[in-house]
């Protein structure tokens, strides 16, 4: 094949190879300051202030409430921006523990895939086909956590009207991503904002300690929400933590993974490391083709090093399981019950 001297391949390769490495060769005493700087830069990247019409007072409208095994599930709507209502499910256990947990689904059937809810709104006894999300919101509620699961914008019932009649796996991510960029934020910005409002709702419910868990695109939301909201104490990120170079920059990924200027701040593991001293659990599968385990292992080493230098190594855990791109649950389902 004739060499193409006009290809930008080397340009983009060089860009990634020269990305910022904020924790490289840093003194232990400077880590806390560097992490604070990373969070401040991320506030600019996610540009939540650019989202217009945000609602200050949250008024929930109960749509349905039913009793399930060991917990009550309350379906409600809440206006979070002018002309934008968010669909939420609050799972309240009979014997609640300390934590209120935000549960963020990845691509698939939408939020109902993590709460065992069928299309008709009734409890689904049979698992969804290839349920890589493992009903994790319900699993957390069954262990005593008060869980709020929301429909991320562009998924499930929060798709654009033009996509609502299409099969479940057709999201509105591409259109929502493109439109958002035109106004100075991203699809990820909108989902992080949704998750932050869920913490507000849990706070109104009387809870004072908070966690967040998400898989895949929900892991993305969990990571950055935890960085931007100091109220979150515990974070579970499943099927996401990796390097950008070996995941979203090396193969096709949904447009909602691409956030303007993010790589001008650091790589994915830098952001996870900046969570320290918060308690963090990462899940990754040895057979995950979207976020390859070799790069996840590389990220884990770098995150562990920062936690070690801060003297909080015990606050960082990881579960490298035998599965594919999926929730494990081996450690995560009981994570929020640990002291």
C-alpha atoms as a PDB file:
ATOM      1  CA  UNK A   1       0.000   0.000   0.000  1.00  0.00           C
ATOM      2  CA  UNK A   2       1.335   3.431  -0.913  1.00  0.00           C
ATOM      3  CA  UNK A   3       2.368   5.525   2.058  1.00  0.00           C
ATOM      4  CA  UNK A   4      -0.006   8.362   2.844  1.00  0.00           C
ATOM      5  CA  UNK A   5       2.090  11.262   4.106  1.00  0.00           C
ATOM      6  CA  UNK A   6      -1.015  13.318   4.823  1.00  0.00           C
ATOM      7  CA  UNK A   7      -2.557  11.005   7.410  1.00  0.00           C
ATOM      8  CA  UNK A   8      -3.010  12.522  10.914  1.00  0.00           C
ATOM      9  CA  UNK A   9      -2.230   9.194  12.644  1.00  0.00           C
ATOM     10  CA  UNK A  10       1.153  10.315  13.954  1.00  0.00           C
ATOM     11  CA  UNK A  11      -0.273  13.673  15.008  1.00  0.00           C
ATOM     12  CA  UNK A  12      -2.875  12.028  17.281  1.00  0.00           C
ATOM     13  CA  UNK A  13      -0.395   9.425  18.513  1.00  0.00           C
ATOM     14  CA  UNK A  14       1.982  12.187  19.523  1.00  0.00           C
ATOM     15  CA  UNK A  15      -0.825  14.105  21.222  1.00  0.00           C
ATOM     16  CA  UNK A  16      -1.656  11.121  23.429  1.00  0.00           C
ATOM     17  CA  UNK A  17       1.979  10.288  24.159  1.00  0.00           C
ATOM     18  CA  UNK A  18       2.504  13.854  25.371  1.00  0.00           C
ATOM     19  CA  UNK A  19      -0.646  14.083  27.496  1.00  0.00           C
ATOM     20  CA  UNK A  20      -0.314  15.455  31.048  1.00  0.00           C
ATOM     21  CA  UNK A  21       0.830  12.971  33.714  1.00  0.00           C
ATOM     22  CA  UNK A  22      -0.059  14.919  36.858  1.00  0.00           C
ATOM     23  CA  UNK A  23       1.204  12.376  39.404  1.00  0.00           C
ATOM     24  CA  UNK A  24       4.442  11.489  37.631  1.00  0.00           C
ATOM     25  CA  UNK A  25       7.541  12.165  39.769  1.00  0.00           C
ATOM     26  CA  UNK A  26       5.460  14.147  42.245  1.00  0.00           C
ATOM     27  CA  UNK A  27       6.477  14.528  45.893  1.00  0.00           C
ATOM     28  CA  UNK A  28       4.197  12.795  48.354  1.00  0.00           C
ATOM     29  CA  UNK A  29       3.537  16.096  50.100  1.00  0.00           C
ATOM     30  CA  UNK A  30       2.244  17.640  46.848  1.00  0.00           C
ATOM     31  CA  UNK A  31      -0.305  14.943  45.972  1.00  0.00           C
ATOM     32  CA  UNK A  32      -3.212  16.481  47.863  1.00  0.00           C
ATOM     33  CA  UNK A  33      -2.658  19.842  46.162  1.00  0.00           C
ATOM     34  CA  UNK A  34      -2.373  18.160  42.754  1.00  0.00           C
ATOM     35  CA  UNK A  35      -5.619  16.235  43.312  1.00  0.00           C
ATOM     36  CA  UNK A  36      -7.368  19.461  44.242  1.00  0.00           C
ATOM     37  CA  UNK A  37      -6.059  21.068  41.045  1.00  0.00           C
ATOM     38  CA  UNK A  38      -7.373  18.131  38.985  1.00  0.00           C
ATOM     39  CA  UNK A  39     -10.841  18.541  40.487  1.00  0.00           C
ATOM     40  CA  UNK A  40     -10.828  22.258  39.753  1.00  0.00           C
ATOM     41  CA  UNK A  41      -9.857  21.577  36.137  1.00  0.00           C
ATOM     42  CA  UNK A  42     -12.616  18.977  35.839  1.00  0.00           C
ATOM     43  CA  UNK A  43     -15.179  21.553  36.946  1.00  0.00           C
ATOM     44  CA  UNK A  44     -14.207  23.561  33.875  1.00  0.00           C
ATOM     45  CA  UNK A  45     -14.249  20.483  31.615  1.00  0.00           C
ATOM     46  CA  UNK A  46     -17.738  19.371  32.661  1.00  0.00           C
ATOM     47  CA  UNK A  47     -19.028  22.947  32.622  1.00  0.00           C
ATOM     48  CA  UNK A  48     -22.095  22.217  34.729  1.00  0.00           C
ATOM     49  CA  UNK A  49     -22.677  25.958  35.038  1.00  0.00           C
ATOM     50  CA  UNK A  50     -23.359  26.009  31.283  1.00  0.00           C
ATOM     51  CA  UNK A  51     -26.440  23.818  31.715  1.00  0.00           C
ATOM     52  CA  UNK A  52     -29.345  26.295  31.590  1.00  0.00           C
ATOM     53  CA  UNK A  53     -32.556  26.449  33.592  1.00  0.00           C
ATOM     54  CA  UNK A  54     -31.428  24.333  36.553  1.00  0.00           C
ATOM     55  CA  UNK A  55     -34.088  23.911  39.229  1.00  0.00           C
ATOM     56  CA  UNK A  56     -33.046  24.989  42.714  1.00  0.00           C
ATOM     57  CA  UNK A  57     -35.890  23.425  44.695  1.00  0.00           C
ATOM     58  CA  UNK A  58     -36.587  19.807  43.822  1.00  0.00           C
ATOM     59  CA  UNK A  59     -40.242  18.767  43.937  1.00  0.00           C
ATOM     60  CA  UNK A  60     -40.859  15.066  43.435  1.00  0.00           C
ATOM     61  CA  UNK A  61     -44.078  13.749  41.917  1.00  0.00           C
ATOM     62  CA  UNK A  62     -44.838  10.189  42.986  1.00  0.00           C
ATOM     63  CA  UNK A  63     -45.998   8.074  40.061  1.00  0.00           C
ATOM     64  CA  UNK A  64     -46.176   4.683  41.734  1.00  0.00           C
ATOM     65  CA  UNK A  65     -45.191   2.833  44.904  1.00  0.00           C
ATOM     66  CA  UNK A  66     -45.102  -0.908  45.485  1.00  0.00           C
ATOM     67  CA  UNK A  67     -43.828  -3.423  47.992  1.00  0.00           C
ATOM     68  CA  UNK A  68     -41.181  -5.885  46.917  1.00  0.00           C
ATOM     69  CA  UNK A  69     -39.199  -8.455  48.831  1.00  0.00           C
ATOM     70  CA  UNK A  70     -37.520  -6.627  51.723  1.00  0.00           C
ATOM     71  CA  UNK A  71     -37.899  -3.161  50.199  1.00  0.00           C
ATOM     72  CA  UNK A  72     -40.351  -0.613  48.825  1.00  0.00           C
ATOM     73  CA  UNK A  73     -39.797   0.866  45.368  1.00  0.00           C
ATOM     74  CA  UNK A  74     -41.100   4.345  44.682  1.00  0.00           C
ATOM     75  CA  UNK A  75     -41.298   5.641  41.124  1.00  0.00           C
ATOM     76  CA  UNK A  76     -41.231   9.405  40.777  1.00  0.00           C
ATOM     77  CA  UNK A  77     -40.551  12.307  38.468  1.00  0.00           C
ATOM     78  CA  UNK A  78     -38.597  15.438  39.363  1.00  0.00           C
ATOM     79  CA  UNK A  79     -37.941  18.559  37.322  1.00  0.00           C
ATOM     80  CA  UNK A  80     -34.191  19.237  37.352  1.00  0.00           C
ATOM     81  CA  UNK A  81     -34.141  21.850  34.564  1.00  0.00           C
ATOM     82  CA  UNK A  82     -36.803  23.888  32.853  1.00  0.00           C
ATOM     83  CA  UNK A  83     -38.595  21.519  30.444  1.00  0.00           C
ATOM     84  CA  UNK A  84     -36.585  18.496  31.629  1.00  0.00           C
ATOM     85  CA  UNK A  85     -37.952  15.954  34.098  1.00  0.00           C
ATOM     86  CA  UNK A  86     -35.875  13.083  35.437  1.00  0.00           C
ATOM     87  CA  UNK A  87     -37.346   9.616  36.024  1.00  0.00           C
ATOM     88  CA  UNK A  88     -36.160   8.059  39.294  1.00  0.00           C
ATOM     89  CA  UNK A  89     -36.730   4.948  41.368  1.00  0.00           C
ATOM     90  CA  UNK A  90     -36.129   5.028  45.114  1.00  0.00           C
ATOM     91  CA  UNK A  91     -35.550   1.619  46.692  1.00  0.00           C
ATOM     92  CA  UNK A  92     -36.115   1.834  50.449  1.00  0.00           C
ATOM     93  CA  UNK A  93     -35.203  -1.314  52.437  1.00  0.00           C
ATOM     94  CA  UNK A  94     -37.194  -2.508  55.446  1.00  0.00           C
ATOM     95  CA  UNK A  95     -34.064  -2.254  57.578  1.00  0.00           C
ATOM     96  CA  UNK A  96     -31.993   0.560  56.089  1.00  0.00           C
ATOM     97  CA  UNK A  97     -28.256   0.804  56.664  1.00  0.00           C
ATOM     98  CA  UNK A  98     -26.176   3.986  56.771  1.00  0.00           C
ATOM     99  CA  UNK A  99     -25.719   4.689  53.093  1.00  0.00           C
ATOM    100  CA  UNK A 100     -27.788   6.232  50.365  1.00  0.00           C
ATOM    101  CA  UNK A 101     -26.405   5.028  47.026  1.00  0.00           C
ATOM    102  CA  UNK A 102     -26.858   6.442  43.528  1.00  0.00           C
ATOM    103  CA  UNK A 103     -27.040   3.607  40.971  1.00  0.00           C
ATOM    104  CA  UNK A 104     -26.089   4.480  37.392  1.00  0.00           C
ATOM    105  CA  UNK A 105     -26.799   1.994  34.567  1.00  0.00           C
ATOM    106  CA  UNK A 106     -24.797   1.529  31.402  1.00  0.00           C
ATOM    107  CA  UNK A 107     -26.122   1.006  27.879  1.00  0.00           C
ATOM    108  CA  UNK A 108     -28.924  -1.489  27.476  1.00  0.00           C
ATOM    109  CA  UNK A 109     -32.573  -1.390  28.554  1.00  0.00           C
ATOM    110  CA  UNK A 110     -32.054   1.759  30.590  1.00  0.00           C
ATOM    111  CA  UNK A 111     -32.525   2.045  34.332  1.00  0.00           C
ATOM    112  CA  UNK A 112     -35.063  -0.790  34.504  1.00  0.00           C
ATOM    113  CA  UNK A 113     -32.257  -3.251  33.789  1.00  0.00           C
ATOM    114  CA  UNK A 114     -30.706  -2.633  37.215  1.00  0.00           C
ATOM    115  CA  UNK A 115     -33.973  -2.701  39.216  1.00  0.00           C
ATOM    116  CA  UNK A 116     -35.527  -5.833  37.686  1.00  0.00           C
ATOM    117  CA  UNK A 117     -38.414  -3.959  36.108  1.00  0.00           C
ATOM    118  CA  UNK A 118     -40.173  -5.076  32.959  1.00  0.00           C
ATOM    119  CA  UNK A 119     -41.432  -2.841  30.190  1.00  0.00           C
ATOM    120  CA  UNK A 120     -44.916  -3.029  31.737  1.00  0.00           C
ATOM    121  CA  UNK A 121     -43.602  -1.559  34.992  1.00  0.00           C
ATOM    122  CA  UNK A 122     -43.953  -4.809  36.918  1.00  0.00           C
ATOM    123  CA  UNK A 123     -41.259  -6.793  38.713  1.00  0.00           C
ATOM    124  CA  UNK A 124     -39.312  -8.949  36.274  1.00  0.00           C
ATOM    125  CA  UNK A 125     -38.566 -12.386  37.687  1.00  0.00           C
ATOM    126  CA  UNK A 126     -36.558 -13.527  34.663  1.00  0.00           C
ATOM    127  CA  UNK A 127     -33.281 -11.748  34.006  1.00  0.00           C
ATOM    128  CA  UNK A 128     -32.911  -9.501  30.991  1.00  0.00           C
ATOM    129  CA  UNK A 129     -31.035 -11.097  28.113  1.00  0.00           C
ATOM    130  CA  UNK A 130     -27.291 -10.864  28.735  1.00  0.00           C
ATOM    131  CA  UNK A 131     -27.799  -8.773  31.869  1.00  0.00           C
ATOM    132  CA  UNK A 132     -24.222  -7.674  32.340  1.00  0.00           C
ATOM    133  CA  UNK A 133     -25.502  -5.184  34.929  1.00  0.00           C
ATOM    134  CA  UNK A 134     -26.579  -7.962  37.338  1.00  0.00           C
ATOM    135  CA  UNK A 135     -29.596  -6.090  38.814  1.00  0.00           C
ATOM    136  CA  UNK A 136     -27.077  -4.251  40.970  1.00  0.00           C
ATOM    137  CA  UNK A 137     -29.445  -1.545  42.251  1.00  0.00           C
ATOM    138  CA  UNK A 138     -31.749  -4.200  43.663  1.00  0.00           C
ATOM    139  CA  UNK A 139     -28.807  -6.172  45.054  1.00  0.00           C
ATOM    140  CA  UNK A 140     -27.671  -3.097  46.977  1.00  0.00           C
ATOM    141  CA  UNK A 141     -31.191  -2.482  48.310  1.00  0.00           C
ATOM    142  CA  UNK A 142     -31.501  -6.108  49.447  1.00  0.00           C
ATOM    143  CA  UNK A 143     -28.390  -5.489  51.563  1.00  0.00           C
ATOM    144  CA  UNK A 144     -29.981  -2.550  53.327  1.00  0.00           C
ATOM    145  CA  UNK A 145     -28.876   0.403  51.227  1.00  0.00           C
ATOM    146  CA  UNK A 146     -31.347   3.114  50.266  1.00  0.00           C
ATOM    147  CA  UNK A 147     -30.816   3.265  46.510  1.00  0.00           C
ATOM    148  CA  UNK A 148     -31.815   5.889  43.980  1.00  0.00           C
ATOM    149  CA  UNK A 149     -31.626   4.707  40.367  1.00  0.00           C
ATOM    150  CA  UNK A 150     -32.246   7.256  37.623  1.00  0.00           C
ATOM    151  CA  UNK A 151     -32.789   7.111  33.886  1.00  0.00           C
ATOM    152  CA  UNK A 152     -29.678   8.714  32.326  1.00  0.00           C
ATOM    153  CA  UNK A 153     -30.428  11.134  29.531  1.00  0.00           C
ATOM    154  CA  UNK A 154     -30.482   9.362  26.126  1.00  0.00           C
ATOM    155  CA  UNK A 155     -31.210   5.918  27.664  1.00  0.00           C
ATOM    156  CA  UNK A 156     -34.514   4.063  27.995  1.00  0.00           C
ATOM    157  CA  UNK A 157     -37.425   6.384  28.682  1.00  0.00           C
ATOM    158  CA  UNK A 158     -35.096   9.394  28.525  1.00  0.00           C
ATOM    159  CA  UNK A 159     -34.412   8.926  24.820  1.00  0.00           C
ATOM    160  CA  UNK A 160     -35.440  11.546  22.304  1.00  0.00           C
ATOM    161  CA  UNK A 161     -38.996  11.081  21.026  1.00  0.00           C
ATOM    162  CA  UNK A 162     -37.725  10.142  17.567  1.00  0.00           C
ATOM    163  CA  UNK A 163     -35.911   7.142  19.098  1.00  0.00           C
ATOM    164  CA  UNK A 164     -38.530   6.042  21.628  1.00  0.00           C
ATOM    165  CA  UNK A 165     -40.172   3.508  19.305  1.00  0.00           C
ATOM    166  CA  UNK A 166     -36.889   1.917  18.289  1.00  0.00           C
ATOM    167  CA  UNK A 167     -35.481  -1.248  19.947  1.00  0.00           C
ATOM    168  CA  UNK A 168     -34.237  -0.797  23.512  1.00  0.00           C
ATOM    169  CA  UNK A 169     -30.577  -0.927  22.538  1.00  0.00           C
ATOM    170  CA  UNK A 170     -30.880   2.109  20.261  1.00  0.00           C
ATOM    171  CA  UNK A 171     -29.962   5.057  22.464  1.00  0.00           C
ATOM    172  CA  UNK A 172     -30.118   8.775  21.711  1.00  0.00           C
ATOM    173  CA  UNK A 173     -26.499   9.232  22.759  1.00  0.00           C
ATOM    174  CA  UNK A 174     -25.169  10.457  19.429  1.00  0.00           C
ATOM    175  CA  UNK A 175     -27.752  13.195  18.945  1.00  0.00           C
ATOM    176  CA  UNK A 176     -27.707  14.266  22.600  1.00  0.00           C
ATOM    177  CA  UNK A 177     -23.902  14.373  22.541  1.00  0.00           C
ATOM    178  CA  UNK A 178     -23.742  16.480  19.385  1.00  0.00           C
ATOM    179  CA  UNK A 179     -26.437  18.898  20.527  1.00  0.00           C
ATOM    180  CA  UNK A 180     -24.850  19.297  23.973  1.00  0.00           C
ATOM    181  CA  UNK A 181     -21.468  20.196  22.493  1.00  0.00           C
ATOM    182  CA  UNK A 182     -23.067  23.078  20.644  1.00  0.00           C
ATOM    183  CA  UNK A 183     -24.044  24.627  23.994  1.00  0.00           C
ATOM    184  CA  UNK A 184     -20.731  24.168  25.785  1.00  0.00           C
ATOM    185  CA  UNK A 185     -21.253  20.930  27.728  1.00  0.00           C
ATOM    186  CA  UNK A 186     -21.465  17.203  26.979  1.00  0.00           C
ATOM    187  CA  UNK A 187     -23.811  14.249  27.419  1.00  0.00           C
ATOM    188  CA  UNK A 188     -21.559  13.225  30.318  1.00  0.00           C
ATOM    189  CA  UNK A 189     -22.096  16.672  31.876  1.00  0.00           C
ATOM    190  CA  UNK A 190     -25.868  16.136  31.824  1.00  0.00           C
ATOM    191  CA  UNK A 191     -25.581  12.694  33.433  1.00  0.00           C
ATOM    192  CA  UNK A 192     -23.184  13.904  36.118  1.00  0.00           C
ATOM    193  CA  UNK A 193     -25.645  16.705  36.850  1.00  0.00           C
ATOM    194  CA  UNK A 194     -28.437  14.119  37.130  1.00  0.00           C
ATOM    195  CA  UNK A 195     -26.382  12.076  39.609  1.00  0.00           C
ATOM    196  CA  UNK A 196     -25.626  15.140  41.720  1.00  0.00           C
ATOM    197  CA  UNK A 197     -29.338  15.949  41.905  1.00  0.00           C
ATOM    198  CA  UNK A 198     -29.923  12.364  43.065  1.00  0.00           C
ATOM    199  CA  UNK A 199     -27.617  13.050  46.007  1.00  0.00           C
ATOM    200  CA  UNK A 200     -29.755  16.139  46.725  1.00  0.00           C
ATOM    201  CA  UNK A 201     -32.864  13.931  46.737  1.00  0.00           C
ATOM    202  CA  UNK A 202     -31.275  11.383  49.091  1.00  0.00           C
ATOM    203  CA  UNK A 203     -30.317  14.254  51.379  1.00  0.00           C
ATOM    204  CA  UNK A 204     -33.934  15.422  51.418  1.00  0.00           C
ATOM    205  CA  UNK A 205     -34.888  11.866  52.394  1.00  0.00           C
ATOM    206  CA  UNK A 206     -32.838  12.331  55.571  1.00  0.00           C
ATOM    207  CA  UNK A 207     -29.686  10.456  54.611  1.00  0.00           C
ATOM    208  CA  UNK A 208     -26.289  11.928  55.428  1.00  0.00           C
ATOM    209  CA  UNK A 209     -23.784   9.403  54.028  1.00  0.00           C
ATOM    210  CA  UNK A 210     -23.607   8.724  50.324  1.00  0.00           C
ATOM    211  CA  UNK A 211     -22.112   6.389  47.762  1.00  0.00           C
ATOM    212  CA  UNK A 212     -22.348   5.834  44.029  1.00  0.00           C
ATOM    213  CA  UNK A 213     -22.016   2.786  41.781  1.00  0.00           C
ATOM    214  CA  UNK A 214     -22.105   2.457  38.009  1.00  0.00           C
ATOM    215  CA  UNK A 215     -21.202   0.058  35.212  1.00  0.00           C
ATOM    216  CA  UNK A 216     -19.604   1.002  31.874  1.00  0.00           C
ATOM    217  CA  UNK A 217     -21.018   4.416  30.904  1.00  0.00           C
ATOM    218  CA  UNK A 218     -22.496   4.448  34.387  1.00  0.00           C
ATOM    219  CA  UNK A 219     -18.968   3.901  35.693  1.00  0.00           C
ATOM    220  CA  UNK A 220     -17.898   7.017  33.814  1.00  0.00           C
ATOM    221  CA  UNK A 221     -20.668   8.988  35.521  1.00  0.00           C
ATOM    222  CA  UNK A 222     -19.806   7.512  38.920  1.00  0.00           C
ATOM    223  CA  UNK A 223     -16.131   8.442  38.633  1.00  0.00           C
ATOM    224  CA  UNK A 224     -16.616  12.070  37.686  1.00  0.00           C
ATOM    225  CA  UNK A 225     -19.628  12.657  39.947  1.00  0.00           C
ATOM    226  CA  UNK A 226     -17.604  11.447  42.906  1.00  0.00           C
ATOM    227  CA  UNK A 227     -14.788  13.810  41.965  1.00  0.00           C
ATOM    228  CA  UNK A 228     -17.139  16.778  41.649  1.00  0.00           C
ATOM    229  CA  UNK A 229     -19.333  16.101  44.694  1.00  0.00           C
ATOM    230  CA  UNK A 230     -17.549  15.951  48.051  1.00  0.00           C
ATOM    231  CA  UNK A 231     -20.625  14.467  49.740  1.00  0.00           C
ATOM    232  CA  UNK A 232     -19.872  11.075  48.174  1.00  0.00           C
ATOM    233  CA  UNK A 233     -17.742   8.906  50.475  1.00  0.00           C
ATOM    234  CA  UNK A 234     -17.681   5.569  48.625  1.00  0.00           C
ATOM    235  CA  UNK A 235     -17.458   4.851  44.910  1.00  0.00           C
ATOM    236  CA  UNK A 236     -17.764   1.666  42.849  1.00  0.00           C
ATOM    237  CA  UNK A 237     -16.646   1.855  39.219  1.00  0.00           C
ATOM    238  CA  UNK A 238     -17.321  -1.271  37.197  1.00  0.00           C
ATOM    239  CA  UNK A 239     -16.168  -1.943  33.640  1.00  0.00           C
ATOM    240  CA  UNK A 240     -14.640   1.456  32.975  1.00  0.00           C
ATOM    241  CA  UNK A 241     -11.315   2.309  34.663  1.00  0.00           C
ATOM    242  CA  UNK A 242      -8.580   1.812  32.079  1.00  0.00           C
ATOM    243  CA  UNK A 243      -6.369   4.030  29.955  1.00  0.00           C
ATOM    244  CA  UNK A 244      -7.943   6.218  27.301  1.00  0.00           C
ATOM    245  CA  UNK A 245      -5.311   5.037  24.846  1.00  0.00           C
ATOM    246  CA  UNK A 246      -6.315   1.374  25.069  1.00  0.00           C
ATOM    247  CA  UNK A 247     -10.056   1.839  25.394  1.00  0.00           C
ATOM    248  CA  UNK A 248     -12.053   4.759  23.984  1.00  0.00           C
ATOM    249  CA  UNK A 249      -9.220   5.943  21.703  1.00  0.00           C
ATOM    250  CA  UNK A 250      -8.351   2.507  20.297  1.00  0.00           C
ATOM    251  CA  UNK A 251     -11.763   1.198  19.201  1.00  0.00           C
ATOM    252  CA  UNK A 252     -15.334   2.314  18.569  1.00  0.00           C
ATOM    253  CA  UNK A 253     -17.140   3.539  21.657  1.00  0.00           C
ATOM    254  CA  UNK A 254     -20.409   5.397  22.050  1.00  0.00           C
ATOM    255  CA  UNK A 255     -20.062   9.175  21.529  1.00  0.00           C
ATOM    256  CA  UNK A 256     -21.075   9.763  25.155  1.00  0.00           C
ATOM    257  CA  UNK A 257     -17.559   8.654  26.178  1.00  0.00           C
ATOM    258  CA  UNK A 258     -15.891  11.642  24.532  1.00  0.00           C
ATOM    259  CA  UNK A 259     -15.582  14.731  26.704  1.00  0.00           C
ATOM    260  CA  UNK A 260     -13.925  17.860  25.286  1.00  0.00           C
ATOM    261  CA  UNK A 261     -10.542  18.820  26.814  1.00  0.00           C
ATOM    262  CA  UNK A 262     -10.515  15.884  29.257  1.00  0.00           C
ATOM    263  CA  UNK A 263      -7.097  14.640  28.124  1.00  0.00           C
ATOM    264  CA  UNK A 264      -5.648  18.073  28.715  1.00  0.00           C
ATOM    265  CA  UNK A 265      -6.043  17.336  32.437  1.00  0.00           C
ATOM    266  CA  UNK A 266      -4.921  13.710  32.734  1.00  0.00           C
ATOM    267  CA  UNK A 267      -5.692  10.098  31.928  1.00  0.00           C
ATOM    268  CA  UNK A 268      -8.484   7.977  33.318  1.00  0.00           C
ATOM    269  CA  UNK A 269      -6.387   6.524  36.149  1.00  0.00           C
ATOM    270  CA  UNK A 270      -5.309  10.028  37.207  1.00  0.00           C
ATOM    271  CA  UNK A 271      -8.936  10.921  37.790  1.00  0.00           C
ATOM    272  CA  UNK A 272      -9.572   7.743  39.780  1.00  0.00           C
ATOM    273  CA  UNK A 273      -6.432   8.407  41.853  1.00  0.00           C
ATOM    274  CA  UNK A 274      -7.668  11.937  42.586  1.00  0.00           C
ATOM    275  CA  UNK A 275     -10.561  10.374  44.537  1.00  0.00           C
ATOM    276  CA  UNK A 276      -8.166   9.497  47.378  1.00  0.00           C
ATOM    277  CA  UNK A 277      -8.719   9.354  50.317  1.00  0.00           C
ATOM    278  CA  UNK A 278     -12.308   8.381  49.420  1.00  0.00           C
ATOM    279  CA  UNK A 279     -13.059   4.670  49.525  1.00  0.00           C
ATOM    280  CA  UNK A 280     -12.894   3.291  46.001  1.00  0.00           C
ATOM    281  CA  UNK A 281     -13.617  -0.124  44.502  1.00  0.00           C
ATOM    282  CA  UNK A 282     -12.877  -0.944  40.876  1.00  0.00           C
ATOM    283  CA  UNK A 283     -14.254  -3.983  39.023  1.00  0.00           C
ATOM    284  CA  UNK A 284     -12.773  -5.193  35.736  1.00  0.00           C
ATOM    285  CA  UNK A 285     -13.214  -8.412  33.773  1.00  0.00           C
ATOM    286  CA  UNK A 286     -10.406 -10.470  32.309  1.00  0.00           C
ATOM    287  CA  UNK A 287     -12.511 -11.000  29.162  1.00  0.00           C
ATOM    288  CA  UNK A 288     -13.644  -7.389  28.778  1.00  0.00           C
ATOM    289  CA  UNK A 289     -13.029  -6.406  25.150  1.00  0.00           C
ATOM    290  CA  UNK A 290     -14.198  -2.800  25.556  1.00  0.00           C
ATOM    291  CA  UNK A 291     -11.903  -1.955  28.458  1.00  0.00           C
ATOM    292  CA  UNK A 292      -9.035  -4.489  28.176  1.00  0.00           C
ATOM    293  CA  UNK A 293      -7.781  -5.979  31.420  1.00  0.00           C
ATOM    294  CA  UNK A 294      -4.086  -5.291  30.747  1.00  0.00           C
ATOM    295  CA  UNK A 295      -4.769  -1.556  30.661  1.00  0.00           C
ATOM    296  CA  UNK A 296      -7.103  -1.823  33.667  1.00  0.00           C
ATOM    297  CA  UNK A 297      -4.284  -3.544  35.571  1.00  0.00           C
ATOM    298  CA  UNK A 298      -1.921  -0.734  34.566  1.00  0.00           C
ATOM    299  CA  UNK A 299      -4.454   1.797  35.846  1.00  0.00           C
ATOM    300  CA  UNK A 300      -4.910  -0.104  39.116  1.00  0.00           C
ATOM    301  CA  UNK A 301      -1.163   0.029  39.793  1.00  0.00           C
ATOM    302  CA  UNK A 302      -1.055   3.783  39.278  1.00  0.00           C
ATOM    303  CA  UNK A 303      -4.118   4.384  41.463  1.00  0.00           C
ATOM    304  CA  UNK A 304      -2.752   2.146  44.220  1.00  0.00           C
ATOM    305  CA  UNK A 305       0.526   4.076  44.185  1.00  0.00           C
ATOM    306  CA  UNK A 306      -1.250   7.375  44.909  1.00  0.00           C
ATOM    307  CA  UNK A 307      -3.378   5.837  47.672  1.00  0.00           C
ATOM    308  CA  UNK A 308      -0.209   4.296  49.141  1.00  0.00           C
ATOM    309  CA  UNK A 309       1.667   7.597  49.138  1.00  0.00           C
ATOM    310  CA  UNK A 310      -1.241   9.252  50.930  1.00  0.00           C
ATOM    311  CA  UNK A 311      -1.236   6.512  53.583  1.00  0.00           C
ATOM    312  CA  UNK A 312      -4.758   5.315  52.728  1.00  0.00           C
ATOM    313  CA  UNK A 313      -3.984   2.194  50.700  1.00  0.00           C
ATOM    314  CA  UNK A 314      -6.716   0.260  52.537  1.00  0.00           C
ATOM    315  CA  UNK A 315      -9.304   2.621  51.066  1.00  0.00           C
ATOM    316  CA  UNK A 316      -8.650   1.295  47.567  1.00  0.00           C
ATOM    317  CA  UNK A 317      -9.854  -2.153  46.508  1.00  0.00           C
ATOM    318  CA  UNK A 318     -10.207  -3.888  43.177  1.00  0.00           C
ATOM    319  CA  UNK A 319     -11.884  -7.007  41.836  1.00  0.00           C
ATOM    320  CA  UNK A 320     -10.326  -8.487  38.701  1.00  0.00           C
ATOM    321  CA  UNK A 321     -12.927 -11.139  37.918  1.00  0.00           C
ATOM    322  CA  UNK A 322     -13.122 -13.897  35.303  1.00  0.00           C
ATOM    323  CA  UNK A 323     -16.036 -12.367  33.416  1.00  0.00           C
ATOM    324  CA  UNK A 324     -16.519 -10.085  30.446  1.00  0.00           C
ATOM    325  CA  UNK A 325     -17.777  -6.496  30.425  1.00  0.00           C
ATOM    326  CA  UNK A 326     -20.052  -6.877  33.444  1.00  0.00           C
ATOM    327  CA  UNK A 327     -20.719  -6.213  37.100  1.00  0.00           C
ATOM    328  CA  UNK A 328     -19.044  -8.734  39.365  1.00  0.00           C
ATOM    329  CA  UNK A 329     -20.711  -8.130  42.732  1.00  0.00           C
ATOM    330  CA  UNK A 330     -18.173 -10.285  44.516  1.00  0.00           C
ATOM    331  CA  UNK A 331     -16.999  -7.311  46.568  1.00  0.00           C
ATOM    332  CA  UNK A 332     -19.202  -4.474  45.354  1.00  0.00           C
ATOM    333  CA  UNK A 333     -22.583  -5.683  46.605  1.00  0.00           C
ATOM    334  CA  UNK A 334     -21.390  -5.541  50.224  1.00  0.00           C
ATOM    335  CA  UNK A 335     -19.035  -2.577  49.799  1.00  0.00           C
ATOM    336  CA  UNK A 336     -21.418   0.009  51.223  1.00  0.00           C
ATOM    337  CA  UNK A 337     -22.104  -2.122  54.317  1.00  0.00           C
ATOM    338  CA  UNK A 338     -18.448  -2.172  55.350  1.00  0.00           C
ATOM    339  CA  UNK A 339     -17.271   0.183  58.062  1.00  0.00           C
END
